[in-house]
Amino acid sequence: MMTLNVAAAGAGNAVLLVSNLDEQKVTPDALFTLFGVYGDVHRVKILFNKKDNALVQMAEPHQAQLAIAHLDKVKVWGKNIRVTQSKHTLVQMPKEGQPQDAGLTKDFTNSPLHRFKRPGSKNCQNIFPPSAVLHLSNIPPNIEEDFLSDAFAQHGQVKAFKFFPKDRKMALIQMASVDEAVTALIAMHNYPLSDTNHLRVSFSKSTI
């Protein structure tokens, strides 16, 4: 009987173990942004003694499964990360006054940056595996292609760029590789383009 219960617990678990991270670059915010493509991230904990490992708590178990399906073995900062179900069922916040956490655990439950907080949000239909082409939205009218291309070029080589003909608030940008697109998405999602507009970045299934 034990095995059945363990399997059932695993299936309903929204916490992921992410390993083989670049411990020089990983932050709770970076993982919030990357995993946020596949669901709403509630908490992130980078392990104090093994900083190339982190726990990511999603809002719902099916979002955790989506993240495993799309992010396991994807290259992030040059390393193939592993994404598996964690045996933890929630990420504990450090107790008040625990000095050793040093910002490694972060609660994003009430973040305004969740992509899926409305049930049936159209974002749910736009979930794609990591790709070299990124979909950009929420672009103010005064922002030109050169500005966006230059900003993304800080994170890799930009191969192509195209505004949507019917809606200039959206664009596609193609990076040289999926790896560079992953890095660019982490860096550029929520990038401030004006006081009120923050860029939204997701993976696209389109080509330019």
Protein backbone atom coordinates (compact mmCIF):
# COMPACT_ATOMS: atom_id res chain seq x y z
CA MET A 1 0.00 0.00 0.00
CA MET A 2 2.80 2.42 0.79
CA THR A 3 3.91 2.77 -2.81
CA LEU A 4 0.43 3.78 -3.95
CA ASN A 5 0.27 6.55 -1.36
CA VAL A 6 3.68 7.86 -2.32
CA ALA A 7 2.73 7.91 -6.00
CA ALA A 8 -0.52 9.68 -5.22
CA ALA A 9 1.29 12.24 -3.10
CA GLY A 10 3.77 12.81 -5.90
CA ALA A 11 1.06 13.31 -8.49
CA GLY A 12 -0.59 15.98 -6.39
CA ASN A 13 2.60 17.78 -5.48
CA ALA A 14 3.23 21.31 -6.70
CA VAL A 15 6.86 21.52 -5.49
CA LEU A 16 9.74 20.95 -7.92
CA LEU A 17 13.39 20.21 -7.30
CA VAL A 18 15.60 22.03 -9.80
CA SER A 19 19.24 20.98 -9.97
CA ASN A 20 22.43 21.66 -11.95
CA LEU A 21 21.85 25.42 -11.79
CA ASP A 22 24.64 27.96 -12.22
CA GLU A 23 25.09 29.00 -8.60
CA GLN A 24 26.79 32.24 -9.64
CA LYS A 25 23.74 33.37 -11.60
CA VAL A 26 20.71 31.78 -10.00
CA THR A 27 18.38 33.97 -7.94
CA PRO A 28 14.84 33.39 -6.69
CA ASP A 29 13.64 36.07 -9.13
CA ALA A 30 15.28 34.36 -12.11
CA LEU A 31 13.59 31.05 -11.28
CA PHE A 32 10.30 32.85 -10.62
CA THR A 33 10.47 34.32 -14.12
CA LEU A 34 11.50 31.13 -15.92
CA PHE A 35 9.08 28.78 -14.14
CA GLY A 36 6.40 31.48 -14.29
CA VAL A 37 6.09 30.74 -18.02
CA TYR A 38 4.40 27.45 -17.07
CA GLY A 39 2.39 28.45 -14.02
CA ASP A 40 2.23 30.81 -11.09
CA VAL A 41 5.24 30.39 -8.83
CA HIS A 42 4.42 30.84 -5.14
CA ARG A 43 7.78 30.27 -3.49
CA VAL A 44 11.39 29.68 -4.47
CA LYS A 45 14.13 28.41 -2.18
CA ILE A 46 17.75 28.10 -3.27
CA LEU A 47 19.36 25.51 -1.03
CA PHE A 48 21.87 27.11 1.33
CA ASN A 49 24.34 24.20 1.31
CA LYS A 50 23.87 23.32 -2.37
CA LYS A 51 23.27 26.52 -4.26
CA ASP A 52 23.03 24.72 -7.60
CA ASN A 53 19.76 23.24 -6.30
CA ALA A 54 16.46 24.98 -5.67
CA LEU A 55 12.89 24.18 -4.71
CA VAL A 56 10.14 25.85 -6.75
CA GLN A 57 6.58 25.75 -5.44
CA MET A 58 3.94 26.21 -8.15
CA ALA A 59 0.32 27.22 -7.53
CA GLU A 60 -1.05 23.86 -8.71
CA PRO A 61 0.29 20.36 -9.36
CA HIS A 62 -0.59 20.44 -13.07
CA GLN A 63 1.58 23.56 -13.45
CA ALA A 64 4.45 21.66 -11.84
CA GLN A 65 3.93 18.86 -14.39
CA LEU A 66 3.98 21.39 -17.25
CA ALA A 67 7.25 22.83 -15.94
CA ILE A 68 8.81 19.34 -15.76
CA ALA A 69 7.62 18.57 -19.30
CA HIS A 70 9.02 21.78 -20.77
CA LEU A 71 12.07 22.67 -18.64
CA ASP A 72 13.73 19.39 -17.65
CA LYS A 73 17.13 19.14 -19.41
CA VAL A 74 16.79 22.63 -20.92
CA LYS A 75 20.03 24.60 -20.99
CA VAL A 76 19.96 27.56 -18.59
CA TRP A 77 23.10 29.71 -18.32
CA GLY A 78 24.98 27.04 -20.26
CA LYS A 79 24.02 24.08 -18.03
CA ASN A 80 21.33 21.47 -18.63
CA ILE A 81 19.07 21.79 -15.62
CA ARG A 82 17.12 18.90 -14.13
CA VAL A 83 13.53 19.46 -13.05
CA THR A 84 11.86 16.72 -11.03
CA GLN A 85 9.07 16.35 -8.52
CA SER A 86 10.27 17.20 -5.02
CA LYS A 87 9.47 15.03 -2.04
CA HIS A 88 8.64 18.26 -0.18
CA THR A 89 5.00 19.31 -0.43
CA LEU A 90 5.64 22.96 0.35
CA VAL A 91 8.54 25.36 0.58
CA GLN A 92 9.03 26.57 4.14
CA MET A 93 9.83 30.22 4.68
CA PRO A 94 12.78 30.82 7.02
CA LYS A 95 11.83 31.67 10.57
CA GLU A 96 12.08 35.29 11.59
CA GLY A 97 15.63 36.28 12.29
CA GLN A 98 17.28 33.26 10.66
CA PRO A 99 20.45 34.92 9.40
CA GLN A 100 21.77 32.17 7.16
CA ASP A 101 19.03 32.39 4.54
CA ALA A 102 20.51 35.57 2.98
CA GLY A 103 17.68 36.15 0.54
CA LEU A 104 17.74 32.61 -0.85
CA THR A 105 14.06 32.00 -0.06
CA LYS A 106 11.38 34.24 -1.49
CA ASP A 107 7.60 34.21 -1.33
CA PHE A 108 5.94 35.32 -4.58
CA THR A 109 2.38 34.30 -3.65
CA ASN A 110 1.04 37.85 -3.96
CA SER A 111 3.31 38.96 -6.79
CA PRO A 112 1.63 41.17 -9.41
CA LEU A 113 3.70 39.36 -12.05
CA HIS A 114 1.81 36.06 -12.14
CA ARG A 115 0.75 35.20 -15.68
CA PHE A 116 -2.15 32.85 -14.91
CA LYS A 117 -3.91 34.28 -11.90
CA ARG A 118 -7.22 34.51 -13.77
CA PRO A 119 -8.71 31.07 -14.44
CA GLY A 120 -8.97 30.51 -18.18
CA SER A 121 -6.52 33.36 -18.83
CA LYS A 122 -5.56 33.38 -22.50
CA ASN A 123 -1.97 32.90 -21.36
CA CYS A 124 -2.97 29.29 -20.65
CA GLN A 125 -3.38 28.71 -24.39
CA ASN A 126 0.04 30.20 -25.15
CA ILE A 127 2.25 27.76 -23.28
CA PHE A 128 5.03 26.49 -25.51
CA PRO A 129 8.33 24.74 -24.91
CA PRO A 130 11.48 26.89 -24.85
CA SER A 131 12.21 28.14 -28.35
CA ALA A 132 14.64 30.54 -30.02
CA VAL A 133 11.74 32.83 -30.93
CA LEU A 134 10.28 34.93 -28.12
CA HIS A 135 6.89 36.63 -28.09
CA LEU A 136 7.01 40.18 -26.71
CA SER A 137 3.94 42.10 -25.59
CA ASN A 138 2.94 45.24 -23.72
CA ILE A 139 5.22 47.40 -25.90
CA PRO A 140 4.40 51.14 -25.71
CA PRO A 141 3.97 52.95 -29.08
CA ASN A 142 7.13 55.05 -28.73
CA ILE A 143 9.46 52.04 -28.40
CA GLU A 144 11.36 51.26 -31.60
CA GLU A 145 12.77 47.99 -32.91
CA ASP A 146 16.37 49.15 -32.38
CA PHE A 147 15.78 49.79 -28.69
CA LEU A 148 14.37 46.29 -28.12
CA SER A 149 16.98 44.57 -30.31
CA ASP A 150 19.79 46.34 -28.46
CA ALA A 151 18.33 45.39 -25.07
CA PHE A 152 18.03 41.72 -26.07
CA ALA A 153 21.50 41.76 -27.67
CA GLN A 154 22.93 42.10 -24.13
CA HIS A 155 21.83 38.48 -23.61
CA GLY A 156 22.78 36.84 -26.90
CA GLN A 157 22.70 37.34 -30.64
CA VAL A 158 19.49 38.73 -32.13
CA LYS A 159 18.76 37.09 -35.49
CA ALA A 160 15.44 38.70 -36.43
CA PHE A 161 12.74 41.03 -35.14
CA LYS A 162 9.21 41.71 -36.30
CA PHE A 163 6.37 43.81 -34.92
CA PHE A 164 2.91 42.28 -35.33
CA PRO A 165 1.38 44.04 -38.36
CA LYS A 166 -2.06 44.47 -36.75
CA ASP A 167 -0.89 45.16 -33.21
CA ARG A 168 2.34 47.01 -32.59
CA LYS A 169 2.12 46.31 -28.87
CA MET A 170 3.43 42.84 -29.74
CA ALA A 171 6.51 41.58 -31.54
CA LEU A 172 8.57 38.47 -32.20
CA ILE A 173 12.31 38.38 -31.63
CA GLN A 174 14.54 35.50 -32.66
CA MET A 175 17.71 34.73 -30.74
CA ALA A 176 20.58 32.65 -32.15
CA SER A 177 19.70 29.63 -30.00
CA VAL A 178 17.17 28.31 -27.52
CA ASP A 179 19.79 28.72 -24.75
CA GLU A 180 20.15 32.43 -25.50
CA ALA A 181 16.37 32.85 -25.67
CA VAL A 182 16.01 31.26 -22.21
CA THR A 183 18.63 33.64 -20.80
CA ALA A 184 16.98 36.61 -22.53
CA LEU A 185 13.53 35.69 -21.24
CA ILE A 186 14.82 35.52 -17.65
CA ALA A 187 16.55 38.89 -18.02
CA MET A 188 13.95 40.78 -20.05
CA HIS A 189 10.54 39.66 -18.80
CA ASN A 190 9.07 42.54 -16.80
CA TYR A 191 11.75 44.90 -18.18
CA PRO A 192 10.49 48.50 -17.65
CA LEU A 193 9.76 50.23 -20.99
CA SER A 194 7.94 53.17 -19.39
CA ASP A 195 6.54 54.08 -15.97
CA THR A 196 3.47 51.94 -16.64
CA ASN A 197 4.62 49.39 -19.25
CA HIS A 198 6.69 46.38 -18.36
CA LEU A 199 7.67 44.09 -21.19
CA ARG A 200 6.10 40.63 -21.19
CA VAL A 201 8.16 37.84 -22.71
CA SER A 202 7.15 34.27 -23.46
CA PHE A 203 8.27 31.49 -25.78
CA SER A 204 6.60 31.42 -29.19
CA LYS A 205 5.76 28.62 -31.61
CA SER A 206 5.92 31.09 -34.50
CA THR A 207 8.86 31.66 -36.81
CA ILE A 208 9.95 34.96 -38.27
